[in-house]
Amino acid sequence: MTTPQDLLFVALDVPADRPVEQGDLSLALAAAELLDLLVAQEVTLRDEVIVPVSGHLTGDPMLDKAAASLIRTEPYESAEDWLWRRGDGLSAAYRDELEHTEPSGSGLRQLFRRADRSVERIDSDARRHAADRWARHEPLLAGLAAALGIEEPEREEPEHEEPAAHAEDDKVDDRVAVVLAALGDALTELEAVRQRRRIEEDAFDNVWRAP
């Protein structure tokens, strides 16, 4: 069970401010893959550039495909370029993968059809794993979901102050911030493309409606 899979379940099960567009979800899934590859030390970031550091298999078919598609020669590839390239059609790829592993009627098809969210969904280990990470306000998952307009519920203030983060944790947080910033830029660009298309379509319609 990986961050992209968990993000897919969060997108299905947690109400968002607006329906999650499949293009947006594909970009976010690519970002989730990159974060998992960073955590697994399969890649590192040099500023905003993805540098492969290992050719080991992760044990997850989709992550292994992601790792296999990395550019392994200089000048490598920026995080945002990765999102656009890897994210092309990625939501459908994860749909197909999980529909083979999840129980029939688990609700995955409804996500991609934007059906009524009240539909009954079958529980599973994968769905429970995603729900547990979401309930724990796990930072990687929460950051990706927020980029899609899915906000965390308010959390209670801790009774005791958390211990200070270690230096290595700070380095990981810096890399996470780079990936999330690249995702935000890509989502903004995609929405701008949609808006231009809507304006062009409206202008075309107005030409035909003119007397």
C-alpha atoms as a PDB file:
ATOM      1  CA  MET A   1       0.000   0.000   0.000  1.00  0.00           C
ATOM      2  CA  THR A   2       1.533   3.244  -1.198  1.00  0.00           C
ATOM      3  CA  THR A   3       0.880   6.970  -0.959  1.00  0.00           C
ATOM      4  CA  PRO A   4      -0.680   7.118  -4.466  1.00  0.00           C
ATOM      5  CA  GLN A   5      -3.091   4.322  -3.534  1.00  0.00           C
ATOM      6  CA  ASP A   6      -3.938   6.025  -0.254  1.00  0.00           C
ATOM      7  CA  LEU A   7      -4.486   9.330  -2.047  1.00  0.00           C
ATOM      8  CA  LEU A   8      -6.876   7.626  -4.446  1.00  0.00           C
ATOM      9  CA  PHE A   9      -8.984   6.358  -1.541  1.00  0.00           C
ATOM     10  CA  VAL A  10      -8.948   9.755   0.177  1.00  0.00           C
ATOM     11  CA  ALA A  11     -10.139  11.349  -3.073  1.00  0.00           C
ATOM     12  CA  LEU A  12     -12.941   8.797  -3.145  1.00  0.00           C
ATOM     13  CA  ASP A  13     -13.995   8.843   0.494  1.00  0.00           C
ATOM     14  CA  VAL A  14     -13.430  12.410   1.735  1.00  0.00           C
ATOM     15  CA  PRO A  15     -15.669  15.220   0.442  1.00  0.00           C
ATOM     16  CA  ALA A  16     -13.792  17.959  -1.441  1.00  0.00           C
ATOM     17  CA  ASP A  17     -14.762  21.565  -2.144  1.00  0.00           C
ATOM     18  CA  ARG A  18     -15.259  20.555  -5.788  1.00  0.00           C
ATOM     19  CA  PRO A  19     -15.135  17.313  -7.768  1.00  0.00           C
ATOM     20  CA  VAL A  20     -11.566  16.164  -8.334  1.00  0.00           C
ATOM     21  CA  GLU A  21     -10.685  16.506 -12.012  1.00  0.00           C
ATOM     22  CA  GLN A  22      -8.958  13.448 -13.438  1.00  0.00           C
ATOM     23  CA  GLY A  23      -6.106  15.557 -14.808  1.00  0.00           C
ATOM     24  CA  ASP A  24      -5.537  17.071 -11.376  1.00  0.00           C
ATOM     25  CA  LEU A  25      -5.641  13.640  -9.764  1.00  0.00           C
ATOM     26  CA  SER A  26      -3.134  12.274 -12.286  1.00  0.00           C
ATOM     27  CA  LEU A  27      -0.661  15.048 -11.458  1.00  0.00           C
ATOM     28  CA  ALA A  28      -1.142  14.473  -7.732  1.00  0.00           C
ATOM     29  CA  LEU A  29      -0.617  10.720  -8.122  1.00  0.00           C
ATOM     30  CA  ALA A  30       2.660  11.392  -9.953  1.00  0.00           C
ATOM     31  CA  ALA A  31       3.701  13.661  -7.072  1.00  0.00           C
ATOM     32  CA  ALA A  32       2.753  10.915  -4.595  1.00  0.00           C
ATOM     33  CA  GLU A  33       4.920   8.444  -6.507  1.00  0.00           C
ATOM     34  CA  LEU A  34       7.850  10.842  -6.398  1.00  0.00           C
ATOM     35  CA  LEU A  35       7.423  11.317  -2.647  1.00  0.00           C
ATOM     36  CA  ASP A  36       7.388   7.559  -2.088  1.00  0.00           C
ATOM     37  CA  LEU A  37      10.508   7.165  -4.232  1.00  0.00           C
ATOM     38  CA  LEU A  38      12.197   9.854  -2.135  1.00  0.00           C
ATOM     39  CA  VAL A  39      11.241   8.129   1.113  1.00  0.00           C
ATOM     40  CA  ALA A  40      12.492   4.794  -0.278  1.00  0.00           C
ATOM     41  CA  GLN A  41      15.770   6.540  -1.239  1.00  0.00           C
ATOM     42  CA  GLU A  42      15.315   5.522  -4.853  1.00  0.00           C
ATOM     43  CA  VAL A  43      15.816   9.150  -5.880  1.00  0.00           C
ATOM     44  CA  THR A  44      16.976  12.405  -4.376  1.00  0.00           C
ATOM     45  CA  LEU A  45      16.450  16.034  -5.343  1.00  0.00           C
ATOM     46  CA  ARG A  46      19.183  18.417  -6.449  1.00  0.00           C
ATOM     47  CA  ASP A  47      17.360  21.703  -6.088  1.00  0.00           C
ATOM     48  CA  GLU A  48      14.283  20.845  -8.197  1.00  0.00           C
ATOM     49  CA  VAL A  49      15.941  18.139 -10.301  1.00  0.00           C
ATOM     50  CA  ILE A  50      15.232  14.428  -9.752  1.00  0.00           C
ATOM     51  CA  VAL A  51      18.449  12.425  -9.445  1.00  0.00           C
ATOM     52  CA  PRO A  52      18.078   8.592  -9.423  1.00  0.00           C
ATOM     53  CA  VAL A  53      20.285   6.954  -6.773  1.00  0.00           C
ATOM     54  CA  SER A  54      19.130   3.333  -6.866  1.00  0.00           C
ATOM     55  CA  GLY A  55      17.834   0.798  -9.341  1.00  0.00           C
ATOM     56  CA  HIS A  56      16.297  -1.511  -6.733  1.00  0.00           C
ATOM     57  CA  LEU A  57      12.700  -2.694  -7.000  1.00  0.00           C
ATOM     58  CA  THR A  58      10.280  -1.306  -4.445  1.00  0.00           C
ATOM     59  CA  GLY A  59       7.987  -4.342  -4.448  1.00  0.00           C
ATOM     60  CA  ASP A  60       5.007  -2.318  -5.698  1.00  0.00           C
ATOM     61  CA  PRO A  61       4.192  -2.725  -9.422  1.00  0.00           C
ATOM     62  CA  MET A  62       3.165   0.886 -10.013  1.00  0.00           C
ATOM     63  CA  LEU A  63       6.107   2.372  -8.109  1.00  0.00           C
ATOM     64  CA  ASP A  64       8.463   0.040  -9.963  1.00  0.00           C
ATOM     65  CA  LYS A  65       7.027   1.317 -13.246  1.00  0.00           C
ATOM     66  CA  ALA A  66       7.541   4.865 -12.013  1.00  0.00           C
ATOM     67  CA  ALA A  67      11.156   4.135 -11.070  1.00  0.00           C
ATOM     68  CA  ALA A  68      11.788   2.427 -14.404  1.00  0.00           C
ATOM     69  CA  SER A  69      10.585   5.536 -16.263  1.00  0.00           C
ATOM     70  CA  LEU A  70      13.044   7.881 -14.522  1.00  0.00           C
ATOM     71  CA  ILE A  71      15.523   9.735 -16.705  1.00  0.00           C
ATOM     72  CA  ARG A  72      18.889   8.391 -15.557  1.00  0.00           C
ATOM     73  CA  THR A  73      21.255  10.560 -17.591  1.00  0.00           C
ATOM     74  CA  GLU A  74      22.126  14.194 -17.038  1.00  0.00           C
ATOM     75  CA  PRO A  75      20.682  16.785 -17.091  1.00  0.00           C
ATOM     76  CA  TYR A  76      17.965  14.554 -15.600  1.00  0.00           C
ATOM     77  CA  GLU A  77      14.487  16.061 -15.175  1.00  0.00           C
ATOM     78  CA  SER A  78      12.791  18.658 -13.004  1.00  0.00           C
ATOM     79  CA  ALA A  79      10.069  17.654 -10.570  1.00  0.00           C
ATOM     80  CA  GLU A  80       7.420  19.558 -12.536  1.00  0.00           C
ATOM     81  CA  ASP A  81       8.479  18.009 -15.843  1.00  0.00           C
ATOM     82  CA  TRP A  82       8.180  14.598 -14.157  1.00  0.00           C
ATOM     83  CA  LEU A  83       4.641  15.388 -13.026  1.00  0.00           C
ATOM     84  CA  TRP A  84       3.547  16.232 -16.570  1.00  0.00           C
ATOM     85  CA  ARG A  85       5.272  13.260 -18.180  1.00  0.00           C
ATOM     86  CA  ARG A  86       4.508  10.568 -15.611  1.00  0.00           C
ATOM     87  CA  GLY A  87       1.081  11.992 -14.810  1.00  0.00           C
ATOM     88  CA  ASP A  88      -0.256  11.545 -18.348  1.00  0.00           C
ATOM     89  CA  GLY A  89      -3.217   9.176 -17.886  1.00  0.00           C
ATOM     90  CA  LEU A  90      -1.966   8.058 -14.451  1.00  0.00           C
ATOM     91  CA  SER A  91      -5.342   8.195 -12.706  1.00  0.00           C
ATOM     92  CA  ALA A  92      -6.729   5.674 -15.202  1.00  0.00           C
ATOM     93  CA  ALA A  93      -3.669   3.444 -14.689  1.00  0.00           C
ATOM     94  CA  TYR A  94      -4.225   3.405 -10.928  1.00  0.00           C
ATOM     95  CA  ARG A  95      -7.926   2.796 -11.461  1.00  0.00           C
ATOM     96  CA  ASP A  96      -7.159  -0.260 -13.565  1.00  0.00           C
ATOM     97  CA  GLU A  97      -4.576  -1.530 -11.073  1.00  0.00           C
ATOM     98  CA  LEU A  98      -6.813  -1.177  -8.028  1.00  0.00           C
ATOM     99  CA  GLU A  99      -9.913  -2.512  -9.737  1.00  0.00           C
ATOM    100  CA  HIS A 100      -7.986  -5.775 -10.089  1.00  0.00           C
ATOM    101  CA  THR A 101      -7.033  -5.876  -6.403  1.00  0.00           C
ATOM    102  CA  GLU A 102     -10.008  -4.303  -4.620  1.00  0.00           C
ATOM    103  CA  PRO A 103     -13.281  -6.131  -3.860  1.00  0.00           C
ATOM    104  CA  SER A 104     -16.044  -5.760  -6.405  1.00  0.00           C
ATOM    105  CA  GLY A 105     -18.217  -2.749  -5.586  1.00  0.00           C
ATOM    106  CA  SER A 106     -15.560  -1.052  -3.452  1.00  0.00           C
ATOM    107  CA  GLY A 107     -16.487   2.304  -4.952  1.00  0.00           C
ATOM    108  CA  LEU A 108     -13.508   2.899  -7.223  1.00  0.00           C
ATOM    109  CA  ARG A 109     -15.604   3.001 -10.370  1.00  0.00           C
ATOM    110  CA  GLN A 110     -17.867   5.596  -8.765  1.00  0.00           C
ATOM    111  CA  LEU A 111     -14.891   7.904  -8.176  1.00  0.00           C
ATOM    112  CA  PHE A 112     -14.048   8.016 -11.858  1.00  0.00           C
ATOM    113  CA  ARG A 113     -17.688   8.437 -12.846  1.00  0.00           C
ATOM    114  CA  ARG A 114     -18.268  11.135 -10.209  1.00  0.00           C
ATOM    115  CA  ALA A 115     -21.253   9.209  -8.906  1.00  0.00           C
ATOM    116  CA  ASP A 116     -23.172   9.813  -5.705  1.00  0.00           C
ATOM    117  CA  ARG A 117     -20.726   9.693  -2.802  1.00  0.00           C
ATOM    118  CA  SER A 118     -23.383   8.084  -0.607  1.00  0.00           C
ATOM    119  CA  VAL A 119     -22.939   4.787  -2.443  1.00  0.00           C
ATOM    120  CA  GLU A 120     -22.120   1.923  -0.100  1.00  0.00           C
ATOM    121  CA  ARG A 121     -18.474   0.904  -0.271  1.00  0.00           C
ATOM    122  CA  ILE A 122     -16.892  -2.385   0.689  1.00  0.00           C
ATOM    123  CA  ASP A 123     -14.211  -2.162   3.348  1.00  0.00           C
ATOM    124  CA  SER A 124     -10.728  -3.493   2.650  1.00  0.00           C
ATOM    125  CA  ASP A 125      -7.225  -3.480   4.108  1.00  0.00           C
ATOM    126  CA  ALA A 126      -6.152  -0.882   1.559  1.00  0.00           C
ATOM    127  CA  ARG A 127      -9.047   1.434   2.357  1.00  0.00           C
ATOM    128  CA  ARG A 128      -8.489   1.066   6.113  1.00  0.00           C
ATOM    129  CA  HIS A 129      -4.794   1.828   5.647  1.00  0.00           C
ATOM    130  CA  ALA A 130      -5.627   5.049   3.788  1.00  0.00           C
ATOM    131  CA  ALA A 131      -8.226   6.027   6.401  1.00  0.00           C
ATOM    132  CA  ASP A 132      -5.704   5.465   9.199  1.00  0.00           C
ATOM    133  CA  ARG A 133      -3.084   7.695   7.546  1.00  0.00           C
ATOM    134  CA  TRP A 134      -5.735  10.354   6.971  1.00  0.00           C
ATOM    135  CA  ALA A 135      -6.919  10.182  10.589  1.00  0.00           C
ATOM    136  CA  ARG A 136      -3.305  10.558  11.789  1.00  0.00           C
ATOM    137  CA  HIS A 137      -2.901  13.715   9.669  1.00  0.00           C
ATOM    138  CA  GLU A 138       0.076  12.097   7.929  1.00  0.00           C
ATOM    139  CA  PRO A 139       1.899  15.058   6.302  1.00  0.00           C
ATOM    140  CA  LEU A 140       2.598  13.563   2.859  1.00  0.00           C
ATOM    141  CA  LEU A 141      -0.990  12.470   2.326  1.00  0.00           C
ATOM    142  CA  ALA A 142      -2.444  15.643   3.826  1.00  0.00           C
ATOM    143  CA  GLY A 143      -0.294  17.880   1.620  1.00  0.00           C
ATOM    144  CA  LEU A 144      -1.264  16.048  -1.561  1.00  0.00           C
ATOM    145  CA  ALA A 145      -4.950  16.044  -0.645  1.00  0.00           C
ATOM    146  CA  ALA A 146      -4.894  19.763   0.176  1.00  0.00           C
ATOM    147  CA  ALA A 147      -3.506  20.474  -3.294  1.00  0.00           C
ATOM    148  CA  LEU A 148      -6.647  18.794  -4.680  1.00  0.00           C
ATOM    149  CA  GLY A 149      -8.944  20.876  -2.474  1.00  0.00           C
ATOM    150  CA  ILE A 150      -9.473  18.097   0.086  1.00  0.00           C
ATOM    151  CA  GLU A 151      -8.902  19.651   3.485  1.00  0.00           C
ATOM    152  CA  GLU A 152      -8.098  17.843   6.707  1.00  0.00           C
ATOM    153  CA  PRO A 153     -10.602  17.960   9.570  1.00  0.00           C
ATOM    154  CA  GLU A 154      -9.599  20.222  12.429  1.00  0.00           C
ATOM    155  CA  ARG A 155      -7.258  18.472  14.792  1.00  0.00           C
ATOM    156  CA  GLU A 156      -7.190  18.730  18.553  1.00  0.00           C
ATOM    157  CA  GLU A 157      -4.301  20.575  20.143  1.00  0.00           C
ATOM    158  CA  PRO A 158      -1.751  18.120  21.606  1.00  0.00           C
ATOM    159  CA  GLU A 159      -1.553  17.992  25.378  1.00  0.00           C
ATOM    160  CA  HIS A 160       2.234  17.859  25.296  1.00  0.00           C
ATOM    161  CA  GLU A 161       4.609  19.647  22.962  1.00  0.00           C
ATOM    162  CA  GLU A 162       6.053  17.401  20.271  1.00  0.00           C
ATOM    163  CA  PRO A 163       9.811  16.807  20.377  1.00  0.00           C
ATOM    164  CA  ALA A 164      11.936  18.860  17.994  1.00  0.00           C
ATOM    165  CA  ALA A 165      12.482  17.338  14.538  1.00  0.00           C
ATOM    166  CA  HIS A 166      15.869  15.860  13.698  1.00  0.00           C
ATOM    167  CA  ALA A 167      18.049  17.419  11.011  1.00  0.00           C
ATOM    168  CA  GLU A 168      17.356  14.518   8.620  1.00  0.00           C
ATOM    169  CA  ASP A 169      13.612  15.054   9.087  1.00  0.00           C
ATOM    170  CA  ASP A 170      14.113  18.706   8.101  1.00  0.00           C
ATOM    171  CA  LYS A 171      15.867  17.604   4.912  1.00  0.00           C
ATOM    172  CA  VAL A 172      12.959  15.309   4.066  1.00  0.00           C
ATOM    173  CA  ASP A 173      10.510  18.142   4.751  1.00  0.00           C
ATOM    174  CA  ASP A 174      12.462  20.383   2.372  1.00  0.00           C
ATOM    175  CA  ARG A 175      12.182  17.810  -0.406  1.00  0.00           C
ATOM    176  CA  VAL A 176       8.484  17.347   0.277  1.00  0.00           C
ATOM    177  CA  ALA A 177       8.009  21.113   0.007  1.00  0.00           C
ATOM    178  CA  VAL A 178       9.746  21.121  -3.389  1.00  0.00           C
ATOM    179  CA  VAL A 179       7.465  18.364  -4.709  1.00  0.00           C
ATOM    180  CA  LEU A 180       4.299  19.991  -3.366  1.00  0.00           C
ATOM    181  CA  ALA A 181       5.324  23.347  -4.830  1.00  0.00           C
ATOM    182  CA  ALA A 182       5.879  21.709  -8.223  1.00  0.00           C
ATOM    183  CA  LEU A 183       2.450  20.081  -7.934  1.00  0.00           C
ATOM    184  CA  GLY A 184       0.840  23.415  -7.100  1.00  0.00           C
ATOM    185  CA  ASP A 185       2.454  25.062 -10.141  1.00  0.00           C
ATOM    186  CA  ALA A 186       1.357  22.215 -12.421  1.00  0.00           C
ATOM    187  CA  LEU A 187      -2.228  22.327 -11.139  1.00  0.00           C
ATOM    188  CA  THR A 188      -2.344  26.100 -11.634  1.00  0.00           C
ATOM    189  CA  GLU A 189      -1.072  25.726 -15.198  1.00  0.00           C
ATOM    190  CA  LEU A 190      -3.600  22.997 -15.955  1.00  0.00           C
ATOM    191  CA  GLU A 191      -6.462  25.139 -14.674  1.00  0.00           C
ATOM    192  CA  ALA A 192      -5.241  28.046 -16.813  1.00  0.00           C
ATOM    193  CA  VAL A 193      -5.368  25.761 -19.867  1.00  0.00           C
ATOM    194  CA  ARG A 194      -8.932  24.775 -18.973  1.00  0.00           C
ATOM    195  CA  GLN A 195      -9.959  28.411 -18.623  1.00  0.00           C
ATOM    196  CA  ARG A 196      -8.468  29.319 -22.016  1.00  0.00           C
ATOM    197  CA  ARG A 197     -10.350  26.442 -23.605  1.00  0.00           C
ATOM    198  CA  ARG A 198     -13.607  27.533 -21.985  1.00  0.00           C
ATOM    199  CA  ILE A 199     -13.113  31.101 -23.254  1.00  0.00           C
ATOM    200  CA  GLU A 200     -12.346  29.852 -26.770  1.00  0.00           C
ATOM    201  CA  GLU A 201     -15.387  27.550 -26.742  1.00  0.00           C
ATOM    202  CA  ASP A 202     -17.655  30.362 -25.509  1.00  0.00           C
ATOM    203  CA  ALA A 203     -16.333  32.701 -28.185  1.00  0.00           C
ATOM    204  CA  PHE A 204     -16.922  30.036 -30.855  1.00  0.00           C
ATOM    205  CA  ASP A 205     -20.478  29.460 -29.605  1.00  0.00           C
ATOM    206  CA  ASN A 206     -21.177  33.208 -29.658  1.00  0.00           C
ATOM    207  CA  VAL A 207     -20.081  33.424 -33.297  1.00  0.00           C
ATOM    208  CA  TRP A 208     -22.642  30.806 -34.287  1.00  0.00           C
ATOM    209  CA  ARG A 209     -25.375  32.374 -32.166  1.00  0.00           C
ATOM    210  CA  ALA A 210     -24.878  35.822 -33.679  1.00  0.00           C
ATOM    211  CA  PRO A 211     -27.672  36.874 -36.073  1.00  0.00           C
END
